[in-house]
N, C-alpha and C. Protein backbone atom coordinates (compact mmCIF):
# COMPACT_ATOMS: atom_id res chain seq x y z
N MET A 1 55.81 231.43 37.82
CA MET A 1 57.40 231.44 37.40
C MET A 1 57.84 229.99 38.27
N LEU A 2 58.75 229.45 37.57
CA LEU A 2 59.15 228.31 37.64
C LEU A 2 59.88 228.14 39.01
N THR A 3 60.02 227.15 39.74
CA THR A 3 60.63 226.65 40.98
C THR A 3 61.96 226.12 40.97
N PRO A 4 62.99 226.40 41.15
CA PRO A 4 64.50 226.11 40.97
C PRO A 4 64.27 224.65 41.45
N GLU A 5 64.77 223.75 40.57
CA GLU A 5 65.15 222.08 41.11
C GLU A 5 65.87 222.11 42.28
N ARG A 6 65.69 221.25 42.84
CA ARG A 6 66.62 221.14 44.31
C ARG A 6 67.43 219.62 44.13
N ARG A 7 67.66 219.34 42.96
CA ARG A 7 68.51 217.99 42.60
C ARG A 7 69.73 217.81 43.46
N PRO A 8 70.62 219.17 43.28
CA PRO A 8 72.05 218.89 43.85
C PRO A 8 71.81 218.98 45.51
N TYR A 9 70.92 219.36 46.09
CA TYR A 9 70.75 219.06 47.50
C TYR A 9 70.27 217.54 47.66
N ARG A 10 69.47 217.20 46.92
CA ARG A 10 68.87 215.71 47.09
C ARG A 10 69.90 214.73 46.92
N ARG A 11 70.95 215.09 46.03
CA ARG A 11 71.78 214.26 45.72
C ARG A 11 72.84 214.26 47.06
N GLU A 12 73.17 215.45 47.60
CA GLU A 12 74.08 215.39 48.47
C GLU A 12 73.08 214.95 49.84
N ALA A 13 72.06 215.09 50.10
CA ALA A 13 71.34 214.15 51.30
C ALA A 13 71.80 212.78 50.79
N GLU A 14 71.27 212.05 49.48
CA GLU A 14 71.41 210.91 49.33
C GLU A 14 72.80 210.19 49.36
N ASP A 15 73.85 211.06 49.19
CA ASP A 15 75.31 210.80 49.06
C ASP A 15 75.56 210.54 50.87
N LYS A 16 74.78 211.38 51.57
CA LYS A 16 75.37 211.69 53.01
C LYS A 16 74.67 210.06 53.79
N ARG A 17 73.35 209.95 53.04
CA ARG A 17 72.89 208.71 53.60
C ARG A 17 73.52 207.35 53.23
N ARG A 18 74.02 207.23 52.00
CA ARG A 18 75.12 206.36 51.72
C ARG A 18 76.15 206.40 52.51
N GLN A 19 76.73 207.13 52.57
CA GLN A 19 78.02 207.31 53.33
C GLN A 19 77.92 206.98 54.97
N ALA A 20 76.67 207.11 55.45
CA ALA A 20 76.37 206.79 56.75
C ALA A 20 76.03 205.35 56.90
N LEU A 21 75.53 204.42 55.67
CA LEU A 21 75.25 203.20 55.81
C LEU A 21 76.73 202.55 55.69
N ILE A 22 77.44 203.02 54.68
CA ILE A 22 79.02 202.59 54.48
C ILE A 22 79.89 202.57 55.71
N ALA A 23 79.49 203.70 56.68
CA ALA A 23 80.10 203.73 58.01
C ALA A 23 79.73 202.88 58.85
N ALA A 24 78.47 202.36 58.82
CA ALA A 24 77.69 201.53 59.95
C ALA A 24 78.36 200.22 59.57
N THR A 25 78.15 200.04 58.43
CA THR A 25 79.06 198.61 57.75
C THR A 25 80.45 198.45 58.04
N LEU A 26 81.12 199.30 57.96
CA LEU A 26 82.66 199.38 58.36
C LEU A 26 82.81 199.15 59.82
N SER A 27 81.60 199.76 60.50
CA SER A 27 82.06 199.56 62.18
C SER A 27 81.68 198.30 62.36
N LEU A 28 80.76 197.53 61.87
CA LEU A 28 80.31 196.06 62.38
C LEU A 28 81.58 195.23 61.86
N VAL A 29 81.76 195.58 60.39
CA VAL A 29 83.08 194.64 59.80
C VAL A 29 84.40 194.49 60.60
N ALA A 30 84.65 195.71 61.18
CA ALA A 30 85.85 195.93 62.13
C ALA A 30 85.55 195.21 63.24
N GLU A 31 84.32 195.32 63.87
CA GLU A 31 84.04 194.31 65.17
C GLU A 31 84.16 192.94 65.06
N GLY A 32 83.31 192.34 63.99
CA GLY A 32 83.47 190.96 63.94
C GLY A 32 83.14 190.36 62.52
N GLY A 33 83.70 191.07 61.58
CA GLY A 33 83.82 190.50 60.10
C GLY A 33 82.65 190.77 59.47
N ALA A 34 82.54 190.55 58.10
CA ALA A 34 81.32 190.75 57.14
C ALA A 34 80.12 189.96 57.64
N ARG A 35 80.37 188.69 58.00
CA ARG A 35 79.60 187.89 58.53
C ARG A 35 78.20 188.67 59.54
N ILE A 36 78.74 189.45 60.58
CA ILE A 36 78.09 190.01 61.30
C ILE A 36 77.22 191.17 60.86
N ALA A 37 77.71 191.83 59.71
CA ALA A 37 77.34 192.87 59.08
C ALA A 37 75.83 192.56 58.37
N THR A 38 74.97 192.10 59.00
CA THR A 38 73.56 191.81 58.36
C THR A 38 72.88 193.21 57.96
N VAL A 39 71.80 192.99 57.20
CA VAL A 39 71.16 194.11 56.77
C VAL A 39 70.48 195.25 58.09
N ARG A 40 69.94 193.75 58.92
CA ARG A 40 69.48 194.61 60.15
C ARG A 40 70.24 194.97 61.30
N ALA A 41 71.47 194.46 61.46
CA ALA A 41 72.41 195.15 62.21
C ALA A 41 73.05 196.58 61.46
N ILE A 42 73.34 196.56 60.35
CA ILE A 42 73.61 198.01 59.76
C ILE A 42 72.52 198.63 60.05
N ALA A 43 71.27 198.40 59.50
CA ALA A 43 70.23 199.38 59.89
C ALA A 43 70.27 200.20 61.38
N GLU A 44 70.44 199.15 62.28
CA GLU A 44 70.31 199.38 64.10
C GLU A 44 71.50 200.35 63.90
N ARG A 45 72.45 199.89 63.54
CA ARG A 45 73.77 200.86 63.70
C ARG A 45 73.95 202.43 63.06
N ALA A 46 73.13 202.37 61.98
CA ALA A 46 73.03 203.49 61.15
C ALA A 46 71.77 204.50 61.54
N GLY A 47 70.98 203.53 62.60
CA GLY A 47 69.82 204.18 62.79
C GLY A 47 68.65 204.43 61.74
N VAL A 48 68.53 203.09 60.80
CA VAL A 48 67.52 203.65 59.73
C VAL A 48 66.72 202.09 59.59
N THR A 49 65.75 202.32 58.57
CA THR A 49 64.95 201.09 58.43
C THR A 49 65.89 200.28 57.57
N ALA A 50 65.77 198.94 57.34
CA ALA A 50 66.32 198.12 56.52
C ALA A 50 65.56 198.54 55.14
N GLY A 51 64.48 198.90 55.07
CA GLY A 51 63.98 199.19 53.81
C GLY A 51 64.90 200.41 52.98
N LEU A 52 65.24 201.28 53.89
CA LEU A 52 66.24 202.30 53.18
C LEU A 52 67.40 201.70 52.97
N ILE A 53 68.09 200.90 53.44
CA ILE A 53 69.31 200.32 52.91
C ILE A 53 69.03 199.94 51.47
N ARG A 54 67.78 198.91 51.37
CA ARG A 54 67.50 198.51 50.14
C ARG A 54 67.32 199.53 49.02
N HIS A 55 66.92 200.80 49.41
CA HIS A 55 66.64 201.70 48.59
C HIS A 55 67.86 202.31 47.96
N TYR A 56 68.96 202.24 48.54
CA TYR A 56 70.33 202.71 47.97
C TYR A 56 71.38 201.83 47.45
N PHE A 57 70.92 200.35 48.14
CA PHE A 57 71.75 199.44 47.47
C PHE A 57 70.94 198.20 47.06
N GLN A 58 71.38 197.29 46.19
CA GLN A 58 70.54 196.40 45.62
C GLN A 58 70.63 195.03 46.59
N SER A 59 71.76 194.98 47.43
CA SER A 59 71.69 193.98 48.25
C SER A 59 72.63 194.30 49.32
N LYS A 60 72.79 193.19 50.55
CA LYS A 60 73.77 193.41 51.33
C LYS A 60 75.20 193.35 50.52
N ASP A 61 75.40 192.50 49.89
CA ASP A 61 76.63 192.48 49.18
C ASP A 61 77.06 193.50 48.39
N SER A 62 75.94 194.20 47.47
CA SER A 62 76.48 195.39 47.06
C SER A 62 77.18 196.46 47.95
N LEU A 63 76.38 196.82 49.04
CA LEU A 63 76.99 197.41 50.24
C LEU A 63 78.56 197.25 51.12
N ILE A 64 78.38 195.60 51.02
CA ILE A 64 79.80 195.38 51.50
C ILE A 64 80.72 195.75 50.32
N ALA A 65 80.54 195.51 49.10
CA ALA A 65 81.54 195.83 48.14
C ALA A 65 81.74 197.17 48.09
N ALA A 66 80.57 198.19 48.28
CA ALA A 66 80.81 199.70 48.20
C ALA A 66 81.86 200.14 49.46
N SER A 67 81.43 199.39 50.62
CA SER A 67 82.24 199.47 51.76
C SER A 67 83.46 199.42 51.64
N TYR A 68 83.94 197.87 50.89
CA TYR A 68 85.40 197.61 50.63
C TYR A 68 86.08 198.74 49.62
N ARG A 69 85.40 198.83 48.70
CA ARG A 69 85.74 200.19 47.75
C ARG A 69 86.20 201.36 48.54
N HIS A 70 85.35 201.83 49.43
CA HIS A 70 85.41 203.28 50.26
C HIS A 70 86.98 203.01 50.96
N VAL A 71 87.27 201.92 51.69
CA VAL A 71 88.35 201.70 52.29
C VAL A 71 89.63 201.81 51.57
N MET A 72 89.76 201.12 50.38
CA MET A 72 90.61 200.93 49.44
C MET A 72 91.04 202.53 48.62
N GLU A 73 90.02 203.23 48.20
CA GLU A 73 90.02 204.27 47.57
C GLU A 73 90.44 205.48 48.42
N ARG A 74 90.10 205.38 49.73
CA ARG A 74 90.57 206.30 50.58
C ARG A 74 92.13 205.96 50.96
N MET A 75 92.49 204.90 51.09
CA MET A 75 93.90 204.87 51.28
C MET A 75 94.55 205.39 50.12
N THR A 76 94.22 204.78 48.88
CA THR A 76 94.94 205.43 47.64
C THR A 76 94.82 207.25 47.74
N HIS A 77 93.79 207.81 47.98
CA HIS A 77 93.59 208.97 47.88
C HIS A 77 94.61 209.83 48.99
N GLU A 78 94.96 209.26 49.95
CA GLU A 78 95.74 209.67 50.90
C GLU A 78 97.15 209.76 50.33
N SER A 79 97.43 208.46 49.71
CA SER A 79 98.78 208.36 49.07
C SER A 79 98.91 209.52 47.95
N VAL A 80 97.81 209.70 47.32
CA VAL A 80 97.94 210.45 46.03
C VAL A 80 97.84 212.20 46.32
N ALA A 81 97.30 212.32 47.75
CA ALA A 81 96.96 213.97 48.17
C ALA A 81 98.44 214.34 48.19
N VAL A 82 99.25 213.71 48.77
CA VAL A 82 100.54 214.67 48.96
C VAL A 82 101.15 215.08 47.58
N LEU A 83 100.93 214.66 46.43
CA LEU A 83 101.37 215.07 45.22
C LEU A 83 101.12 216.35 45.03
N LYS A 84 99.83 216.75 45.53
CA LYS A 84 99.56 218.28 45.25
C LYS A 84 100.56 219.36 45.63
N ALA A 85 101.39 219.23 46.65
CA ALA A 85 102.31 220.09 47.20
C ALA A 85 103.67 219.46 47.19
N ALA A 86 103.97 218.19 46.57
CA ALA A 86 105.11 217.79 46.29
C ALA A 86 106.04 218.32 45.32
N PRO A 87 107.42 218.49 45.31
CA PRO A 87 108.35 219.07 44.44
C PRO A 87 108.00 218.45 42.99
N HIS A 88 108.28 219.31 42.07
CA HIS A 88 108.11 218.73 40.53
C HIS A 88 109.15 217.59 40.24
N ASP A 89 110.06 217.73 40.62
CA ASP A 89 111.19 216.43 40.27
C ASP A 89 110.62 215.18 40.51
N PRO A 90 110.37 214.27 39.28
CA PRO A 90 109.97 213.18 39.47
C PRO A 90 110.41 211.95 40.40
N GLN A 91 111.45 212.24 40.77
CA GLN A 91 112.25 211.26 41.85
C GLN A 91 111.58 211.69 43.19
N ALA A 92 111.49 212.95 43.48
CA ALA A 92 110.76 213.30 44.80
C ALA A 92 109.38 213.06 44.77
N ARG A 93 108.95 213.17 43.76
CA ARG A 93 107.38 212.70 43.51
C ARG A 93 107.04 211.35 44.07
N LEU A 94 107.84 210.63 43.33
CA LEU A 94 107.81 209.07 43.76
C LEU A 94 108.17 208.75 45.07
N VAL A 95 109.16 209.38 45.64
CA VAL A 95 109.29 209.24 47.20
C VAL A 95 108.32 209.62 48.10
N ALA A 96 107.71 211.00 47.92
CA ALA A 96 106.61 211.42 48.60
C ALA A 96 105.51 210.30 48.44
N PHE A 97 105.29 209.91 47.30
CA PHE A 97 104.00 208.94 47.21
C PHE A 97 104.32 207.59 48.11
N VAL A 98 105.34 207.07 47.76
CA VAL A 98 105.62 206.01 48.88
C VAL A 98 105.68 206.22 50.29
N ALA A 99 106.36 207.35 50.76
CA ALA A 99 106.32 207.66 52.08
C ALA A 99 104.91 207.68 52.46
N ALA A 100 104.03 208.47 51.91
CA ALA A 100 102.42 208.55 52.28
C ALA A 100 101.96 207.38 52.41
N SER A 101 102.40 206.19 51.55
CA SER A 101 101.84 204.95 51.44
C SER A 101 102.16 204.18 52.61
N LEU A 102 103.18 204.60 53.45
CA LEU A 102 104.05 203.79 54.40
C LEU A 102 103.77 204.65 55.88
N ARG A 103 102.90 205.28 55.89
CA ARG A 103 102.80 206.02 57.41
C ARG A 103 101.31 206.40 57.41
N PRO A 104 100.85 206.59 58.69
CA PRO A 104 99.57 207.04 59.04
C PRO A 104 99.15 208.10 58.50
N PRO A 105 97.87 208.24 57.96
CA PRO A 105 96.89 207.47 58.08
C PRO A 105 96.68 206.04 57.24
N VAL A 106 97.32 206.05 56.54
CA VAL A 106 97.29 204.93 55.52
C VAL A 106 97.83 203.59 56.30
N VAL A 107 98.79 203.65 56.79
CA VAL A 107 99.47 202.61 57.68
C VAL A 107 98.37 202.72 59.10
N ASP A 108 97.54 201.61 59.00
CA ASP A 108 96.58 201.68 60.33
C ASP A 108 95.84 200.25 60.61
N ARG A 109 95.86 200.16 61.77
CA ARG A 109 95.60 198.78 62.24
C ARG A 109 94.18 198.34 61.76
N ASP A 110 93.12 199.49 62.30
CA ASP A 110 91.84 199.36 61.68
C ASP A 110 91.59 198.87 60.05
N ALA A 111 92.30 199.74 59.51
CA ALA A 111 92.22 199.45 57.97
C ALA A 111 92.74 198.28 57.75
N LEU A 112 93.50 197.50 58.17
CA LEU A 112 94.15 196.17 57.88
C LEU A 112 93.26 195.09 58.33
N ILE A 113 92.57 195.59 59.43
CA ILE A 113 91.43 194.68 60.03
C ILE A 113 90.36 194.47 59.03
N LEU A 114 89.92 195.69 58.43
CA LEU A 114 88.87 195.71 57.36
C LEU A 114 89.27 195.19 56.05
N TRP A 115 90.37 195.55 55.97
CA TRP A 115 91.30 194.69 54.42
C TRP A 115 91.10 193.24 54.77
N ALA A 116 91.60 192.47 55.95
CA ALA A 116 91.61 191.25 55.92
C ALA A 116 90.08 190.78 56.07
N SER A 117 89.19 191.18 56.55
CA SER A 117 87.83 190.71 56.76
C SER A 117 87.19 190.86 55.25
N PHE A 118 87.40 191.82 54.41
CA PHE A 118 87.00 192.01 53.20
C PHE A 118 87.37 191.00 51.99
N MET A 119 88.64 190.57 52.36
CA MET A 119 89.52 189.88 51.38
C MET A 119 88.86 188.22 51.24
N GLN A 120 88.35 187.94 52.73
CA GLN A 120 87.75 186.82 52.86
C GLN A 120 86.52 186.69 51.99
N GLU A 121 86.02 187.67 51.83
CA GLU A 121 84.61 187.70 50.81
C GLU A 121 84.89 187.76 49.39
N THR A 122 86.15 187.81 49.01
CA THR A 122 86.45 187.79 47.55
C THR A 122 86.55 186.44 47.22
N LYS A 123 86.43 185.50 48.01
CA LYS A 123 86.45 184.07 47.64
C LYS A 123 85.15 183.59 46.99
N ARG A 124 84.10 184.21 47.74
CA ARG A 124 82.55 183.87 47.32
C ARG A 124 81.98 184.74 46.77
N ASP A 125 82.44 186.12 46.21
CA ASP A 125 81.60 187.06 45.70
C ASP A 125 82.51 187.54 44.52
N ALA A 126 81.79 187.61 43.45
CA ALA A 126 82.48 188.07 42.35
C ALA A 126 82.77 189.39 42.33
N ALA A 127 81.50 190.06 42.96
CA ALA A 127 81.63 191.76 42.92
C ALA A 127 82.71 191.93 43.95
N MET A 128 82.86 191.55 44.96
CA MET A 128 84.20 191.61 45.95
C MET A 128 85.12 191.59 45.14
N LEU A 129 85.58 190.41 44.31
CA LEU A 129 86.79 190.14 43.45
C LEU A 129 87.24 191.18 42.75
N ALA A 130 85.82 191.67 41.79
CA ALA A 130 85.93 192.93 40.75
C ALA A 130 86.51 194.11 41.38
N THR A 131 85.94 194.45 42.97
CA THR A 131 86.20 195.49 43.74
C THR A 131 87.56 195.48 44.07
N HIS A 132 88.42 194.44 44.39
CA HIS A 132 89.48 194.25 44.70
C HIS A 132 90.68 194.45 43.43
N ALA A 133 89.98 193.73 42.42
CA ALA A 133 90.92 194.19 41.05
C ALA A 133 91.09 195.74 40.85
N SER A 134 89.83 196.23 40.74
CA SER A 134 89.93 197.49 40.33
C SER A 134 90.59 198.71 41.10
N THR A 135 90.44 198.29 42.56
CA THR A 135 91.03 199.38 43.50
C THR A 135 92.80 198.93 43.44
N TYR A 136 92.99 197.66 43.44
CA TYR A 136 94.39 197.48 43.40
C TYR A 136 95.17 197.97 42.20
N LEU A 137 94.38 197.85 40.94
CA LEU A 137 94.87 198.43 39.62
C LEU A 137 94.97 199.96 39.84
N GLY A 138 94.06 200.56 40.39
CA GLY A 138 93.82 202.01 40.40
C GLY A 138 95.20 202.55 41.42
N PHE A 139 95.48 201.87 42.24
CA PHE A 139 96.77 201.97 43.24
C PHE A 139 98.04 201.80 42.30
N ARG A 140 98.18 200.83 41.56
CA ARG A 140 99.13 200.49 40.78
C ARG A 140 99.28 201.25 39.62
N ASP A 141 98.19 201.75 39.04
CA ASP A 141 98.46 202.67 37.98
C ASP A 141 98.72 203.94 38.29
N GLN A 142 98.58 204.51 39.45
CA GLN A 142 99.04 205.66 39.92
C GLN A 142 100.85 205.53 40.04
N LEU A 143 101.12 204.55 40.76
CA LEU A 143 102.63 204.20 41.17
C LEU A 143 103.45 204.08 39.90
N GLN A 144 102.65 203.38 38.71
CA GLN A 144 103.24 203.16 37.53
C GLN A 144 103.39 204.58 36.88
N GLY A 145 102.40 205.40 36.73
CA GLY A 145 102.42 206.72 36.26
C GLY A 145 103.77 207.54 36.68
N LEU A 146 103.95 207.28 38.10
CA LEU A 146 104.98 207.91 38.70
C LEU A 146 106.57 207.51 37.98
N ILE A 147 106.41 206.19 37.99
CA ILE A 147 107.65 205.40 37.45
C ILE A 147 108.02 205.88 36.29
N ALA A 148 106.86 206.19 35.31
CA ALA A 148 107.21 206.33 33.88
C ALA A 148 107.51 207.78 33.64
N ALA A 149 107.43 208.38 34.61
CA ALA A 149 107.78 209.99 34.56
C ALA A 149 109.40 210.14 34.91
N LEU A 150 109.88 208.97 35.34
CA LEU A 150 111.35 209.09 35.88
C LEU A 150 112.11 209.33 34.71
N PRO A 151 113.30 209.74 34.84
CA PRO A 151 114.22 210.02 33.66
C PRO A 151 114.99 208.79 33.16
N GLN A 152 114.06 207.72 32.60
CA GLN A 152 114.73 206.61 32.52
C GLN A 152 113.99 206.00 30.92
N ASP A 153 114.54 205.24 29.98
CA ASP A 153 114.08 204.90 28.84
C ASP A 153 113.41 203.31 29.32
N ARG A 154 112.05 203.28 29.43
CA ARG A 154 111.48 201.99 29.64
C ARG A 154 110.33 201.78 28.64
N SER A 155 110.21 200.44 28.45
CA SER A 155 109.07 199.92 27.66
C SER A 155 107.86 199.73 28.57
N ALA A 156 106.67 199.52 27.86
CA ALA A 156 105.41 199.50 28.71
C ALA A 156 105.53 198.19 29.46
N ALA A 157 105.99 197.37 28.97
CA ALA A 157 106.07 195.95 29.73
C ALA A 157 106.99 196.14 31.10
N GLU A 158 108.06 196.90 30.63
CA GLU A 158 109.11 196.91 31.85
C GLU A 158 108.59 197.89 33.02
N LEU A 159 107.81 198.84 32.65
CA LEU A 159 107.03 199.73 33.44
C LEU A 159 105.88 198.94 34.33
N ARG A 160 105.16 198.32 33.74
CA ARG A 160 104.29 197.46 34.62
C ARG A 160 104.90 196.29 35.41
N GLN A 161 105.83 195.73 35.10
CA GLN A 161 106.65 194.89 35.99
C GLN A 161 107.10 195.48 37.15
N MET A 162 107.82 196.78 36.85
CA MET A 162 108.45 197.33 37.85
C MET A 162 107.26 198.07 39.02
N ALA A 163 106.22 198.38 38.43
CA ALA A 163 105.21 199.01 39.34
C ALA A 163 104.64 197.66 40.14
N ILE A 164 104.75 196.75 39.26
CA ILE A 164 103.91 195.41 40.32
C ILE A 164 104.93 194.94 41.48
N ALA A 165 106.46 195.14 40.99
CA ALA A 165 107.17 195.05 42.17
C ALA A 165 107.28 195.92 43.34
N CYS A 166 107.23 197.14 42.82
CA CYS A 166 107.10 198.12 44.02
C CYS A 166 106.04 198.02 44.77
N ASN A 167 104.99 197.71 44.23
CA ASN A 167 103.64 197.60 44.71
C ASN A 167 103.48 196.42 45.86
N ALA A 168 104.11 195.36 45.28
CA ALA A 168 104.50 194.20 46.36
C ALA A 168 105.28 194.84 47.54
N VAL A 169 106.26 195.47 47.51
CA VAL A 169 106.88 196.12 48.52
C VAL A 169 106.29 196.86 49.39
N ILE A 170 105.74 197.64 48.96
CA ILE A 170 104.61 198.95 49.80
C ILE A 170 103.70 197.96 50.42
N ASP A 171 103.16 196.97 49.70
CA ASP A 171 101.82 196.32 50.15
C ASP A 171 102.33 195.41 51.70
N GLY A 172 103.57 194.62 51.49
CA GLY A 172 104.30 193.94 52.44
C GLY A 172 104.37 194.80 53.47
N LEU A 173 104.96 195.97 53.32
CA LEU A 173 105.40 196.65 54.48
C LEU A 173 104.38 197.52 55.20
N TRP A 174 103.04 197.76 54.26
CA TRP A 174 102.06 198.33 54.71
C TRP A 174 101.39 197.19 55.77
N LEU A 175 101.58 195.96 55.20
CA LEU A 175 100.74 194.93 56.15
C LEU A 175 101.39 194.77 57.65
N GLU A 176 102.60 194.59 57.44
CA GLU A 176 103.46 194.60 58.78
C GLU A 176 103.16 195.72 59.45
N GLY A 177 103.46 196.97 58.86
CA GLY A 177 103.50 198.13 59.75
C GLY A 177 102.23 198.41 60.63
N SER A 178 101.06 197.83 59.99
CA SER A 178 99.68 198.21 60.17
C SER A 178 99.31 197.15 61.41
N ALA A 179 99.98 195.68 61.38
CA ALA A 179 99.86 194.81 62.03
C ALA A 179 100.59 194.98 63.40
N LEU A 180 101.72 195.43 63.16
CA LEU A 180 102.86 195.47 64.25
C LEU A 180 103.39 196.83 64.18
N PRO A 181 102.76 198.00 64.84
CA PRO A 181 103.16 199.23 64.74
C PRO A 181 104.44 199.62 65.56
N ASP A 182 104.49 198.68 66.63
CA ASP A 182 105.52 199.14 67.50
C ASP A 182 106.87 198.28 67.34
N ALA A 183 106.47 197.67 66.40
CA ALA A 183 108.30 196.67 65.70
C ALA A 183 109.07 197.49 65.14
N PHE A 184 108.51 198.57 64.70
CA PHE A 184 109.17 199.56 63.90
C PHE A 184 109.53 200.77 64.58
N ALA A 185 110.53 201.31 64.11
CA ALA A 185 111.09 202.70 64.50
C ALA A 185 110.33 203.94 63.98
N LYS A 186 110.33 204.98 64.28
CA LYS A 186 109.51 206.09 63.43
C LYS A 186 110.44 206.43 62.40
N GLY A 187 109.64 206.40 61.22
CA GLY A 187 110.18 206.60 59.89
C GLY A 187 110.83 205.29 59.42
N GLU A 188 111.10 204.23 59.95
CA GLU A 188 111.70 202.92 59.42
C GLU A 188 111.14 202.50 58.33
N LEU A 189 109.79 202.36 58.41
CA LEU A 189 108.88 201.75 57.28
C LEU A 189 109.40 202.46 55.95
N VAL A 190 109.30 203.62 56.00
CA VAL A 190 109.45 204.77 54.80
C VAL A 190 110.97 204.48 54.19
N GLU A 191 111.73 204.34 55.14
CA GLU A 191 113.25 204.26 54.83
C GLU A 191 113.66 202.95 54.07
N ILE A 192 112.75 201.84 54.93
CA ILE A 192 112.74 200.53 54.06
C ILE A 192 112.33 200.63 52.76
N GLY A 193 111.13 201.41 52.69
CA GLY A 193 110.32 201.05 51.47
C GLY A 193 110.84 201.84 50.17
N VAL A 194 111.44 203.16 50.63
CA VAL A 194 112.10 204.10 49.51
C VAL A 194 113.23 203.48 49.10
N THR A 195 114.05 202.78 50.04
CA THR A 195 115.25 202.01 49.75
C THR A 195 115.15 200.89 48.65
N ALA A 196 113.98 199.92 49.06
CA ALA A 196 113.62 198.78 48.17
C ALA A 196 113.02 199.23 46.86
N VAL A 197 112.40 200.45 46.81
CA VAL A 197 111.85 200.69 45.37
C VAL A 197 112.93 201.15 44.71
N GLY A 198 113.78 201.83 45.35
CA GLY A 198 114.79 202.43 44.50
C GLY A 198 115.86 201.23 43.96
N ALA A 199 115.94 200.52 44.57
CA ALA A 199 116.73 199.24 44.35
C ALA A 199 116.17 198.78 43.10
N ILE A 200 114.84 198.42 43.19
CA ILE A 200 114.02 197.75 42.16
C ILE A 200 114.11 198.57 40.97
N LEU A 201 114.22 200.01 40.87
CA LEU A 201 114.32 200.81 39.63
C LEU A 201 115.84 201.06 39.40
N GLY A 202 116.81 200.98 40.38
CA GLY A 202 118.17 201.41 39.96
C GLY A 202 118.51 202.49 40.45
N LEU A 203 117.69 203.17 41.27
CA LEU A 203 117.99 204.56 41.61
C LEU A 203 118.45 204.93 43.00
N LYS A 204 119.06 205.83 43.41
CA LYS A 204 119.26 206.11 44.75
C LYS A 204 118.18 207.19 45.34
N LEU A 205 117.07 206.50 45.59
CA LEU A 205 116.02 207.29 46.15
C LEU A 205 115.95 207.76 47.55
N THR A 206 116.80 207.37 48.25
CA THR A 206 117.00 207.81 49.56
C THR A 206 117.55 209.26 49.61
N ASN A 207 118.04 209.92 48.66
CA ASN A 207 118.61 211.09 48.48
C ASN A 207 117.52 212.19 48.44
N TYR A 208 116.08 211.69 48.11
CA TYR A 208 115.03 212.46 48.20
C TYR A 208 114.03 212.48 49.29
N MET A 209 114.57 211.67 50.53
CA MET A 209 113.96 211.73 51.60
C MET A 209 113.63 212.94 52.17
N LEU A 210 114.04 213.99 52.18
CA LEU A 210 113.88 215.19 52.86
C LEU A 210 112.60 215.65 52.07
N PHE A 211 112.27 215.30 50.81
CA PHE A 211 111.09 215.77 50.22
C PHE A 211 109.86 214.95 50.54
N THR A 212 109.73 214.00 51.62
CA THR A 212 109.02 213.17 51.95
C THR A 212 107.76 213.93 52.77
N GLY A 213 107.93 215.06 53.20
CA GLY A 213 106.74 215.95 53.71
C GLY A 213 107.06 216.20 55.30
N PRO A 214 106.14 216.44 56.12
CA PRO A 214 104.72 217.09 55.71
C PRO A 214 104.91 218.44 54.79
N PHE A 215 104.11 218.37 53.72
CA PHE A 215 103.86 219.03 52.73
C PHE A 215 102.94 220.44 53.23
């Protein structure tokens, strides 16, 4: 009698170990930047041997890149998640996405510290720069898809440029809101962001503020 394979369980265990190593890396980077996140320090923080890190990641740089990707994709996921329960109206969906991108847990001081630390690494590491490019495009593509669904006739070039402009507004407000959370009234970042994105698109999106959640 054949013994059932246990590969799914093995993959699950491996995924948990990878996530534990990423969590340890993020903890160290948040404390003192990527430079203090040595293989030895990560291993000690995760409670494993340095050899185990090398089993899951080719190098420290690949672990740092994976950790950066984790942070960025997590924020994009939080913004996209609200669309599952958002209204079907394309303008309401865009507003819900923008709002989610400008409130906790996306707007977060620790996330900003991590982002700033990782951004320094993009200057010296091509893999980090590639990670930044792909995660930026991942978020922007989500935004462009929501803009393309609006009842407007736009060329592909126009949609791309509008998505870039709207993304820049969201990025700027995210940065300031994360760095200085007490400088803004409750809901102010969302209101400013929705108003600015609407101005770029030529739409009165503030009419859909009631649909910004929670869903």
